[in-house]
Amino acid sequence: MRFLNQSEDSQMAMFKDYLEEKSIVQQAKRMPEQENLPITADQLNALSASQRAQMPNNIAELHQEKIAKTGFKSVAPLEVNTHAPEIVNNAKNTVSEQLDPTAKNSIPSRASKLDENVRAWSSPDKPIGRGRVNMMGALEDTEGHDTADYVNKLLNVAVGGDGTADGEKLTDNMKRKEGISLPINTNVEKKK
């Protein structure tokens, strides 16, 4: 009666559990049976004697063969070198040299020049941009340098240079190369 008063979902769950238990019992019934199990002490002794007779006599040798396959050689302690490889030590030394402020090309010594420049342009007690330097004067100096550089490059091109104002002249090959215009991905033909 209780089963019938349950909801349909719980009835299905209970029915499913019942079928699973029934299948477990049926599977256990179909398990193979062990034949000739010893019942008395004499039968047990006879079974033990027959199984011992089937065991090989060279068990120790067989065991040593299996041990040899694993690579075991002795019980002496292993000599393990736990020191870091040379490449690791070299890398540590290189990094230490780069961080040493007394070394000539270390990061701190190279950064000190930048720090000097920053201190020249700013003051630690004022916001950036309002340091010791006259900002308008610095801007005028930069514009003056840019103008002079531009004029030098124009003069360089006018006298046959390569336009970098470094004093080098264009070679004949460079002149030919500069004179050729190659239309790439266009249908425009070169005018002669």
N, C-alpha and C. Protein backbone atom coordinates (compact mmCIF):
# COMPACT_ATOMS: atom_id res chain seq x y z
N MET A 1 0.82 -1.19 0.00
CA MET A 1 0.00 0.00 0.00
C MET A 1 0.87 1.26 0.00
N ARG A 2 1.97 1.19 0.78
CA ARG A 2 2.87 2.34 0.81
C ARG A 2 3.43 2.64 -0.58
N PHE A 3 3.77 1.57 -1.30
CA PHE A 3 4.34 1.74 -2.65
C PHE A 3 3.36 2.47 -3.55
N LEU A 4 2.12 2.13 -3.48
CA LEU A 4 1.12 2.74 -4.35
C LEU A 4 0.84 4.20 -3.97
N ASN A 5 1.06 4.57 -2.70
CA ASN A 5 0.82 5.96 -2.28
C ASN A 5 1.98 6.90 -2.63
N GLN A 6 3.07 6.35 -3.09
CA GLN A 6 4.24 7.18 -3.45
C GLN A 6 3.97 7.88 -4.79
N SER A 7 4.75 8.93 -5.04
CA SER A 7 4.63 9.60 -6.34
C SER A 7 5.21 8.70 -7.43
N GLU A 8 4.87 9.03 -8.66
CA GLU A 8 5.30 8.18 -9.77
C GLU A 8 6.82 8.16 -9.90
N ASP A 9 7.48 9.30 -9.66
CA ASP A 9 8.95 9.36 -9.75
C ASP A 9 9.60 8.45 -8.72
N SER A 10 9.12 8.51 -7.48
CA SER A 10 9.72 7.66 -6.44
C SER A 10 9.41 6.19 -6.69
N GLN A 11 8.25 5.87 -7.26
CA GLN A 11 7.94 4.49 -7.61
C GLN A 11 8.93 3.97 -8.65
N MET A 12 9.22 4.82 -9.66
CA MET A 12 10.16 4.42 -10.72
C MET A 12 11.56 4.24 -10.14
N ALA A 13 11.97 5.11 -9.21
CA ALA A 13 13.29 5.00 -8.60
C ALA A 13 13.38 3.71 -7.79
N MET A 14 12.34 3.39 -7.01
CA MET A 14 12.35 2.17 -6.22
C MET A 14 12.36 0.93 -7.11
N PHE A 15 11.61 0.98 -8.21
CA PHE A 15 11.57 -0.15 -9.14
C PHE A 15 12.95 -0.35 -9.79
N LYS A 16 13.60 0.77 -10.12
CA LYS A 16 14.94 0.71 -10.72
C LYS A 16 15.93 0.08 -9.73
N ASP A 17 15.87 0.49 -8.45
CA ASP A 17 16.76 -0.09 -7.43
C ASP A 17 16.51 -1.59 -7.29
N TYR A 18 15.24 -2.00 -7.33
CA TYR A 18 14.89 -3.42 -7.21
C TYR A 18 15.51 -4.22 -8.36
N LEU A 19 15.41 -3.70 -9.59
CA LEU A 19 15.95 -4.40 -10.75
C LEU A 19 17.47 -4.50 -10.68
N GLU A 20 18.11 -3.44 -10.20
CA GLU A 20 19.57 -3.48 -10.08
C GLU A 20 20.00 -4.53 -9.07
N GLU A 21 19.31 -4.60 -7.93
CA GLU A 21 19.64 -5.61 -6.91
C GLU A 21 19.40 -7.02 -7.45
N LYS A 22 18.32 -7.19 -8.19
CA LYS A 22 18.01 -8.51 -8.75
C LYS A 22 19.08 -8.94 -9.75
N SER A 23 19.56 -7.99 -10.57
CA SER A 23 20.60 -8.34 -11.55
C SER A 23 21.91 -8.70 -10.85
N ILE A 24 22.20 -8.04 -9.71
CA ILE A 24 23.42 -8.38 -8.97
C ILE A 24 23.34 -9.80 -8.43
N VAL A 25 22.18 -10.16 -7.90
CA VAL A 25 21.99 -11.52 -7.37
C VAL A 25 22.11 -12.55 -8.49
N GLN A 26 21.50 -12.29 -9.65
CA GLN A 26 21.58 -13.23 -10.77
C GLN A 26 23.02 -13.39 -11.25
N GLN A 27 23.76 -12.29 -11.27
CA GLN A 27 25.15 -12.36 -11.71
C GLN A 27 25.97 -13.19 -10.72
N ALA A 28 25.70 -13.04 -9.43
CA ALA A 28 26.42 -13.82 -8.43
C ALA A 28 26.11 -15.31 -8.56
N LYS A 29 24.88 -15.66 -8.95
CA LYS A 29 24.53 -17.07 -9.14
C LYS A 29 25.27 -17.69 -10.31
N ARG A 30 25.58 -16.87 -11.32
CA ARG A 30 26.24 -17.39 -12.52
C ARG A 30 27.75 -17.44 -12.40
N MET A 31 28.34 -17.03 -11.25
CA MET A 31 29.79 -17.03 -11.10
C MET A 31 30.31 -18.47 -11.13
N PRO A 32 31.51 -18.67 -11.70
CA PRO A 32 32.03 -20.05 -11.77
C PRO A 32 32.31 -20.59 -10.37
N GLU A 33 32.07 -21.89 -10.23
CA GLU A 33 32.30 -22.53 -8.94
C GLU A 33 33.71 -23.09 -8.89
N GLN A 34 34.32 -23.00 -7.71
CA GLN A 34 35.65 -23.57 -7.51
C GLN A 34 35.48 -25.08 -7.31
N GLU A 35 36.25 -25.84 -8.09
CA GLU A 35 36.12 -27.30 -7.98
C GLU A 35 37.12 -27.86 -6.96
N ASN A 36 36.75 -28.92 -6.35
CA ASN A 36 37.61 -29.67 -5.44
C ASN A 36 38.22 -28.82 -4.33
N LEU A 37 37.40 -28.07 -3.66
CA LEU A 37 37.90 -27.31 -2.52
C LEU A 37 38.15 -28.29 -1.37
N PRO A 38 39.26 -28.12 -0.67
CA PRO A 38 39.54 -29.06 0.43
C PRO A 38 38.57 -28.85 1.59
N ILE A 39 38.11 -29.96 2.14
CA ILE A 39 37.15 -29.88 3.24
C ILE A 39 37.82 -30.30 4.55
N THR A 40 38.69 -31.31 4.46
CA THR A 40 39.35 -31.79 5.67
C THR A 40 40.80 -31.34 5.71
N ALA A 41 41.47 -31.55 6.84
CA ALA A 41 42.88 -31.16 6.99
C ALA A 41 43.76 -31.98 6.07
N ASP A 42 43.42 -33.29 5.88
CA ASP A 42 44.22 -34.13 4.98
C ASP A 42 44.15 -33.63 3.54
N GLN A 43 42.95 -33.24 3.11
CA GLN A 43 42.79 -32.71 1.74
C GLN A 43 43.57 -31.39 1.59
N LEU A 44 43.54 -30.56 2.61
CA LEU A 44 44.26 -29.28 2.57
C LEU A 44 45.77 -29.52 2.48
N ASN A 45 46.28 -30.48 3.24
CA ASN A 45 47.71 -30.81 3.19
C ASN A 45 48.10 -31.36 1.83
N ALA A 46 47.25 -32.20 1.25
CA ALA A 46 47.53 -32.78 -0.06
C ALA A 46 47.56 -31.70 -1.14
N LEU A 47 46.60 -30.73 -1.07
CA LEU A 47 46.57 -29.63 -2.04
C LEU A 47 47.82 -28.76 -1.89
N SER A 48 48.22 -28.49 -0.67
CA SER A 48 49.42 -27.68 -0.42
C SER A 48 50.66 -28.37 -0.97
N ALA A 49 50.78 -29.69 -0.74
CA ALA A 49 51.95 -30.44 -1.23
C ALA A 49 51.99 -30.44 -2.75
N SER A 50 50.84 -30.60 -3.41
CA SER A 50 50.84 -30.62 -4.88
C SER A 50 51.21 -29.25 -5.46
N GLN A 51 50.73 -28.18 -4.80
CA GLN A 51 51.07 -26.84 -5.30
C GLN A 51 52.54 -26.50 -5.05
N ARG A 52 53.09 -26.98 -3.91
CA ARG A 52 54.53 -26.76 -3.65
C ARG A 52 55.39 -27.52 -4.65
N ALA A 53 54.92 -28.68 -5.08
CA ALA A 53 55.68 -29.48 -6.05
C ALA A 53 55.75 -28.78 -7.41
N GLN A 54 54.76 -27.94 -7.70
CA GLN A 54 54.75 -27.23 -8.99
C GLN A 54 55.66 -26.00 -8.98
N MET A 55 56.07 -25.55 -7.80
CA MET A 55 56.93 -24.36 -7.71
C MET A 55 58.33 -24.69 -8.20
N PRO A 56 58.99 -23.76 -8.93
CA PRO A 56 60.35 -24.03 -9.40
C PRO A 56 61.35 -24.02 -8.23
N ASN A 57 62.46 -24.71 -8.44
CA ASN A 57 63.49 -24.79 -7.39
C ASN A 57 64.42 -23.58 -7.39
N ASN A 58 64.48 -22.84 -8.49
CA ASN A 58 65.43 -21.73 -8.61
C ASN A 58 64.72 -20.37 -8.43
N ILE A 59 63.95 -20.24 -7.38
CA ILE A 59 63.21 -18.99 -7.16
C ILE A 59 64.16 -17.82 -6.96
N ALA A 60 65.25 -18.03 -6.23
CA ALA A 60 66.21 -16.96 -5.97
C ALA A 60 66.83 -16.46 -7.28
N GLU A 61 67.17 -17.39 -8.18
CA GLU A 61 67.75 -16.99 -9.47
C GLU A 61 66.74 -16.19 -10.30
N LEU A 62 65.50 -16.66 -10.33
CA LEU A 62 64.46 -15.95 -11.08
C LEU A 62 64.25 -14.54 -10.51
N HIS A 63 64.32 -14.46 -9.19
CA HIS A 63 64.15 -13.16 -8.54
C HIS A 63 65.32 -12.23 -8.90
N GLN A 64 66.54 -12.76 -8.92
CA GLN A 64 67.71 -11.94 -9.28
C GLN A 64 67.62 -11.47 -10.74
N GLU A 65 67.07 -12.30 -11.62
CA GLU A 65 66.89 -11.88 -13.02
C GLU A 65 65.93 -10.70 -13.12
N LYS A 66 64.84 -10.75 -12.33
CA LYS A 66 63.89 -9.64 -12.33
C LYS A 66 64.52 -8.38 -11.76
N ILE A 67 65.34 -8.55 -10.72
CA ILE A 67 66.02 -7.39 -10.13
C ILE A 67 66.99 -6.78 -11.13
N ALA A 68 67.72 -7.64 -11.87
CA ALA A 68 68.68 -7.15 -12.85
C ALA A 68 67.99 -6.33 -13.94
N LYS A 69 66.76 -6.68 -14.28
CA LYS A 69 66.02 -5.92 -15.31
C LYS A 69 65.70 -4.50 -14.84
N THR A 70 65.61 -4.30 -13.54
CA THR A 70 65.31 -2.95 -13.02
C THR A 70 66.53 -2.05 -12.99
N GLY A 71 67.74 -2.60 -13.16
CA GLY A 71 68.95 -1.79 -13.13
C GLY A 71 69.59 -1.72 -11.77
N PHE A 72 69.08 -2.46 -10.78
CA PHE A 72 69.65 -2.45 -9.43
C PHE A 72 70.99 -3.16 -9.45
N LYS A 73 72.01 -2.56 -8.80
CA LYS A 73 73.33 -3.19 -8.77
C LYS A 73 73.81 -3.45 -7.34
N SER A 74 73.58 -2.48 -6.43
CA SER A 74 74.05 -2.68 -5.06
C SER A 74 73.26 -1.77 -4.13
N VAL A 75 73.53 -1.95 -2.83
CA VAL A 75 72.85 -1.13 -1.84
C VAL A 75 73.73 0.02 -1.36
N ALA A 76 74.86 0.23 -2.04
CA ALA A 76 75.75 1.34 -1.67
C ALA A 76 75.03 2.66 -1.94
N PRO A 77 75.28 3.70 -1.11
CA PRO A 77 74.61 4.98 -1.35
C PRO A 77 75.03 5.60 -2.68
N LEU A 78 74.10 6.26 -3.31
CA LEU A 78 74.37 6.89 -4.59
C LEU A 78 75.21 8.14 -4.40
N GLU A 79 76.07 8.41 -5.37
CA GLU A 79 76.84 9.65 -5.36
C GLU A 79 76.09 10.66 -6.21
N VAL A 80 75.43 11.57 -5.55
CA VAL A 80 74.60 12.55 -6.25
C VAL A 80 75.26 13.92 -6.16
N ASN A 81 75.43 14.55 -7.30
CA ASN A 81 76.02 15.89 -7.33
C ASN A 81 74.87 16.90 -7.36
N THR A 82 74.69 17.62 -6.27
CA THR A 82 73.58 18.58 -6.19
C THR A 82 74.03 20.00 -6.49
N HIS A 83 75.25 20.18 -6.94
CA HIS A 83 75.71 21.52 -7.30
C HIS A 83 75.06 21.98 -8.60
N ALA A 84 74.86 23.27 -8.71
CA ALA A 84 74.26 23.82 -9.93
C ALA A 84 75.24 23.67 -11.09
N PRO A 85 74.73 23.46 -12.31
CA PRO A 85 75.62 23.35 -13.47
C PRO A 85 76.37 24.66 -13.71
N GLU A 86 77.41 24.57 -14.50
CA GLU A 86 78.27 25.74 -14.75
C GLU A 86 77.50 26.86 -15.45
N ILE A 87 76.57 26.50 -16.32
CA ILE A 87 75.82 27.53 -17.05
C ILE A 87 74.97 28.36 -16.08
N VAL A 88 74.46 27.73 -15.01
CA VAL A 88 73.67 28.45 -14.02
C VAL A 88 74.56 29.43 -13.26
N ASN A 89 75.75 28.94 -12.86
CA ASN A 89 76.68 29.82 -12.14
C ASN A 89 77.11 31.00 -13.01
N ASN A 90 77.36 30.73 -14.29
CA ASN A 90 77.75 31.82 -15.20
C ASN A 90 76.63 32.84 -15.33
N ALA A 91 75.39 32.37 -15.42
CA ALA A 91 74.25 33.29 -15.54
C ALA A 91 74.11 34.13 -14.27
N LYS A 92 74.29 33.50 -13.10
CA LYS A 92 74.20 34.25 -11.84
C LYS A 92 75.28 35.32 -11.79
N ASN A 93 76.51 34.96 -12.20
CA ASN A 93 77.60 35.94 -12.18
C ASN A 93 77.33 37.09 -13.14
N THR A 94 76.79 36.77 -14.31
CA THR A 94 76.49 37.82 -15.28
C THR A 94 75.46 38.80 -14.73
N VAL A 95 74.42 38.27 -14.10
CA VAL A 95 73.39 39.13 -13.54
C VAL A 95 73.95 39.95 -12.38
N SER A 96 74.78 39.31 -11.56
CA SER A 96 75.38 40.04 -10.43
C SER A 96 76.25 41.18 -10.92
N GLU A 97 77.01 40.94 -12.02
CA GLU A 97 77.85 42.01 -12.58
C GLU A 97 76.99 43.15 -13.10
N GLN A 98 75.85 42.82 -13.71
CA GLN A 98 74.98 43.87 -14.24
C GLN A 98 74.33 44.69 -13.15
N LEU A 99 74.19 44.11 -11.96
CA LEU A 99 73.54 44.83 -10.86
C LEU A 99 74.54 45.49 -9.91
N ASP A 100 75.84 45.26 -10.12
CA ASP A 100 76.86 45.84 -9.25
C ASP A 100 77.07 47.31 -9.59
N PRO A 101 76.79 48.24 -8.67
CA PRO A 101 76.91 49.66 -9.00
C PRO A 101 78.35 50.12 -9.22
N THR A 102 79.33 49.33 -8.76
CA THR A 102 80.73 49.74 -8.96
C THR A 102 81.26 49.31 -10.32
N ALA A 103 80.61 48.38 -11.01
CA ALA A 103 81.06 47.94 -12.33
C ALA A 103 80.76 49.02 -13.36
N LYS A 104 81.63 49.11 -14.39
CA LYS A 104 81.55 50.21 -15.36
C LYS A 104 80.26 50.16 -16.20
N ASN A 105 79.92 49.01 -16.74
CA ASN A 105 78.76 48.91 -17.63
C ASN A 105 77.54 48.31 -16.95
N SER A 106 77.47 48.39 -15.64
CA SER A 106 76.32 47.83 -14.94
C SER A 106 75.11 48.73 -15.12
N ILE A 107 73.94 48.19 -14.85
CA ILE A 107 72.70 48.95 -15.01
C ILE A 107 72.69 50.18 -14.11
N PRO A 108 73.07 50.06 -12.82
CA PRO A 108 73.05 51.26 -11.98
C PRO A 108 74.00 52.36 -12.45
N SER A 109 75.20 51.96 -12.96
CA SER A 109 76.14 53.00 -13.40
C SER A 109 75.66 53.67 -14.67
N ARG A 110 75.01 52.90 -15.57
CA ARG A 110 74.46 53.52 -16.77
C ARG A 110 73.25 54.38 -16.44
N ALA A 111 72.47 53.96 -15.46
CA ALA A 111 71.29 54.72 -15.08
C ALA A 111 71.65 56.00 -14.32
N SER A 112 72.85 56.02 -13.76
CA SER A 112 73.23 57.21 -12.99
C SER A 112 73.33 58.44 -13.91
N LYS A 113 73.75 58.23 -15.16
CA LYS A 113 73.82 59.36 -16.09
C LYS A 113 72.41 59.87 -16.41
N LEU A 114 71.48 58.94 -16.56
CA LEU A 114 70.09 59.34 -16.79
C LEU A 114 69.55 60.08 -15.57
N ASP A 115 69.88 59.56 -14.38
CA ASP A 115 69.43 60.22 -13.16
C ASP A 115 69.96 61.64 -13.08
N GLU A 116 71.24 61.81 -13.47
CA GLU A 116 71.83 63.17 -13.46
C GLU A 116 71.07 64.09 -14.40
N ASN A 117 70.74 63.58 -15.57
CA ASN A 117 70.02 64.38 -16.55
C ASN A 117 68.63 64.75 -16.03
N VAL A 118 67.95 63.77 -15.41
CA VAL A 118 66.63 64.04 -14.86
C VAL A 118 66.71 65.10 -13.76
N ARG A 119 67.73 64.99 -12.91
CA ARG A 119 67.87 65.97 -11.82
C ARG A 119 68.16 67.37 -12.38
N ALA A 120 68.85 67.41 -13.52
CA ALA A 120 69.14 68.71 -14.12
C ALA A 120 67.88 69.37 -14.66
N TRP A 121 66.92 68.55 -15.07
CA TRP A 121 65.70 69.09 -15.67
C TRP A 121 64.55 69.22 -14.68
N SER A 122 64.70 68.65 -13.53
CA SER A 122 63.59 68.72 -12.57
C SER A 122 64.13 68.91 -11.17
N SER A 123 63.25 69.21 -10.30
CA SER A 123 63.63 69.41 -8.91
C SER A 123 62.77 68.47 -8.07
N PRO A 124 63.38 67.79 -7.08
CA PRO A 124 62.59 66.82 -6.32
C PRO A 124 61.48 67.46 -5.50
N ASP A 125 61.57 68.76 -5.25
CA ASP A 125 60.54 69.40 -4.43
C ASP A 125 59.44 70.04 -5.27
N LYS A 126 59.48 69.89 -6.60
CA LYS A 126 58.47 70.49 -7.47
C LYS A 126 57.91 69.42 -8.42
N PRO A 127 56.70 69.62 -8.95
CA PRO A 127 56.16 68.66 -9.92
C PRO A 127 57.00 68.62 -11.19
N ILE A 128 56.89 67.53 -11.94
CA ILE A 128 57.66 67.38 -13.17
C ILE A 128 57.28 68.49 -14.15
N GLY A 129 58.29 69.07 -14.79
CA GLY A 129 58.05 70.14 -15.75
C GLY A 129 58.25 71.52 -15.15
N ARG A 130 58.38 71.61 -13.84
CA ARG A 130 58.58 72.91 -13.22
C ARG A 130 59.86 72.90 -12.40
N GLY A 131 60.89 72.32 -12.98
CA GLY A 131 62.16 72.22 -12.25
C GLY A 131 63.03 73.44 -12.46
N ARG A 132 64.33 73.20 -12.43
CA ARG A 132 65.30 74.30 -12.50
C ARG A 132 65.43 74.88 -13.91
N VAL A 133 64.98 74.13 -14.91
CA VAL A 133 65.19 74.55 -16.29
C VAL A 133 64.10 75.51 -16.73
N ASN A 134 64.47 76.48 -17.55
CA ASN A 134 63.53 77.39 -18.19
C ASN A 134 62.93 76.61 -19.37
N MET A 135 61.68 76.21 -19.25
CA MET A 135 61.08 75.34 -20.26
C MET A 135 61.02 76.00 -21.63
N MET A 136 60.73 77.28 -21.69
CA MET A 136 60.66 77.97 -22.98
C MET A 136 62.04 78.04 -23.61
N GLY A 137 63.05 78.23 -22.79
CA GLY A 137 64.43 78.26 -23.32
C GLY A 137 64.82 76.92 -23.90
N ALA A 138 64.42 75.83 -23.21
CA ALA A 138 64.74 74.49 -23.71
C ALA A 138 64.03 74.25 -25.03
N LEU A 139 62.77 74.71 -25.15
CA LEU A 139 62.02 74.55 -26.39
C LEU A 139 62.68 75.34 -27.52
N GLU A 140 63.10 76.55 -27.24
CA GLU A 140 63.76 77.36 -28.26
C GLU A 140 65.07 76.72 -28.70
N ASP A 141 65.82 76.16 -27.76
CA ASP A 141 67.06 75.46 -28.13
C ASP A 141 66.78 74.28 -29.05
N THR A 142 65.75 73.50 -28.72
CA THR A 142 65.40 72.34 -29.54
C THR A 142 64.97 72.76 -30.93
N GLU A 143 64.16 73.82 -31.03
CA GLU A 143 63.75 74.31 -32.35
C GLU A 143 64.96 74.80 -33.14
N GLY A 144 65.90 75.46 -32.48
CA GLY A 144 67.11 75.93 -33.16
C GLY A 144 67.92 74.77 -33.71
N HIS A 145 68.07 73.70 -32.91
CA HIS A 145 68.82 72.51 -33.38
C HIS A 145 68.11 71.87 -34.55
N ASP A 146 66.79 71.75 -34.49
CA ASP A 146 66.02 71.13 -35.58
C ASP A 146 66.15 71.94 -36.87
N THR A 147 66.07 73.26 -36.76
CA THR A 147 66.19 74.13 -37.94
C THR A 147 67.57 73.99 -38.56
N ALA A 148 68.60 74.03 -37.74
CA ALA A 148 69.98 73.90 -38.26
C ALA A 148 70.17 72.55 -38.94
N ASP A 149 69.63 71.49 -38.37
CA ASP A 149 69.75 70.16 -38.95
C ASP A 149 69.04 70.10 -40.30
N TYR A 150 67.85 70.69 -40.40
CA TYR A 150 67.10 70.70 -41.65
C TYR A 150 67.87 71.46 -42.74
N VAL A 151 68.45 72.60 -42.39
CA VAL A 151 69.21 73.39 -43.37
C VAL A 151 70.44 72.62 -43.83
N ASN A 152 71.13 71.93 -42.91
CA ASN A 152 72.30 71.13 -43.28
C ASN A 152 71.92 70.02 -44.25
N LYS A 153 70.78 69.40 -44.04
CA LYS A 153 70.35 68.31 -44.93
C LYS A 153 69.98 68.85 -46.30
N LEU A 154 69.33 70.03 -46.36
CA LEU A 154 69.01 70.64 -47.66
C LEU A 154 70.27 70.98 -48.43
N LEU A 155 71.24 71.56 -47.75
CA LEU A 155 72.51 71.89 -48.39
C LEU A 155 73.22 70.63 -48.87
N ASN A 156 73.15 69.58 -48.08
CA ASN A 156 73.79 68.32 -48.44
C ASN A 156 73.20 67.77 -49.73
N VAL A 157 71.86 67.81 -49.86
CA VAL A 157 71.21 67.33 -51.09
C VAL A 157 71.58 68.23 -52.26
N ALA A 158 71.66 69.54 -52.04
CA ALA A 158 71.97 70.48 -53.12
C ALA A 158 73.36 70.25 -53.69
N VAL A 159 74.32 69.81 -52.87
CA VAL A 159 75.69 69.59 -53.37
C VAL A 159 75.93 68.15 -53.78
N GLY A 160 74.82 67.35 -53.89
CA GLY A 160 74.94 65.98 -54.39
C GLY A 160 75.09 64.94 -53.31
N GLY A 161 74.79 65.25 -52.06
CA GLY A 161 74.88 64.27 -50.98
C GLY A 161 73.65 63.38 -50.92
N ASP A 162 73.62 62.55 -49.92
CA ASP A 162 72.51 61.61 -49.78
C ASP A 162 71.40 62.15 -48.89
N GLY A 163 71.48 63.35 -48.41
CA GLY A 163 70.41 63.97 -47.65
C GLY A 163 70.46 63.68 -46.17
N THR A 164 71.53 63.09 -45.69
CA THR A 164 71.63 62.81 -44.25
C THR A 164 72.59 63.76 -43.56
N ALA A 165 73.21 64.67 -44.32
CA ALA A 165 74.13 65.68 -43.78
C ALA A 165 75.30 65.04 -43.06
N ASP A 166 75.72 63.86 -43.56
CA ASP A 166 76.89 63.24 -42.94
C ASP A 166 78.11 63.33 -43.85
N GLY A 167 78.00 64.05 -44.97
CA GLY A 167 79.13 64.30 -45.84
C GLY A 167 79.34 63.26 -46.92
N GLU A 168 78.55 62.19 -46.97
CA GLU A 168 78.73 61.18 -47.99
C GLU A 168 78.01 61.60 -49.26
N LYS A 169 78.61 61.23 -50.41
CA LYS A 169 78.02 61.55 -51.71
C LYS A 169 77.29 60.32 -52.25
N LEU A 170 76.26 60.58 -53.08
CA LEU A 170 75.57 59.48 -53.73
C LEU A 170 76.45 58.90 -54.81
N THR A 171 76.53 57.61 -54.89
CA THR A 171 77.28 56.98 -55.97
C THR A 171 76.40 56.97 -57.22
N ASP A 172 76.99 56.62 -58.35
CA ASP A 172 76.23 56.57 -59.60
C ASP A 172 75.09 55.55 -59.52
N ASN A 173 75.36 54.40 -58.86
CA ASN A 173 74.30 53.39 -58.72
C ASN A 173 73.14 53.93 -57.89
N MET A 174 73.47 54.66 -56.83
CA MET A 174 72.41 55.21 -55.99
C MET A 174 71.60 56.25 -56.77
N LYS A 175 72.28 57.05 -57.61
CA LYS A 175 71.58 58.04 -58.42
C LYS A 175 70.63 57.36 -59.39
N ARG A 176 71.10 56.27 -60.04
CA ARG A 176 70.23 55.54 -60.97
C ARG A 176 69.05 54.95 -60.21
N LYS A 177 69.33 54.40 -59.04
CA LYS A 177 68.26 53.79 -58.24
C LYS A 177 67.23 54.82 -57.82
N GLU A 178 67.69 56.01 -57.43
CA GLU A 178 66.77 57.05 -57.01
C GLU A 178 65.98 57.60 -58.19
N GLY A 179 66.55 57.54 -59.42
CA GLY A 179 65.89 58.09 -60.59
C GLY A 179 64.82 57.18 -61.16
N ILE A 180 64.80 55.90 -60.80
CA ILE A 180 63.83 54.96 -61.34
C ILE A 180 62.60 54.95 -60.45
N SER A 181 61.42 55.03 -61.11
CA SER A 181 60.19 54.86 -60.33
C SER A 181 59.50 53.61 -60.83
N LEU A 182 59.29 52.67 -59.98
CA LEU A 182 58.65 51.42 -60.36
C LEU A 182 57.19 51.47 -59.94
N PRO A 183 56.27 51.46 -60.91
CA PRO A 183 54.86 51.43 -60.53
C PRO A 183 54.51 50.02 -60.04
N ILE A 184 54.10 49.94 -58.82
CA ILE A 184 53.76 48.64 -58.23
C ILE A 184 52.25 48.61 -58.03
N ASN A 185 51.62 47.55 -58.58
CA ASN A 185 50.17 47.35 -58.47
C ASN A 185 49.36 48.53 -59.02
N THR A 186 49.88 49.16 -60.01
CA THR A 186 49.13 50.26 -60.65
C THR A 186 49.17 50.05 -62.14
N ASN A 187 48.25 50.69 -62.84
CA ASN A 187 48.22 50.60 -64.31
C ASN A 187 48.81 51.84 -64.94
N VAL A 188 49.50 52.67 -64.14
CA VAL A 188 50.07 53.90 -64.65
C VAL A 188 51.39 53.59 -65.33
N GLU A 189 51.54 54.04 -66.58
CA GLU A 189 52.78 53.81 -67.30
C GLU A 189 53.72 54.98 -67.06
N LYS A 190 55.03 54.72 -67.10
CA LYS A 190 56.03 55.76 -66.86
C LYS A 190 56.11 56.66 -68.09
N LYS A 191 56.07 57.98 -67.88
CA LYS A 191 56.16 58.94 -68.99
C LYS A 191 57.63 59.10 -69.37
N LYS A 192 57.86 59.17 -70.68
CA LYS A 192 59.25 59.31 -71.17
C LYS A 192 59.50 60.69 -71.68
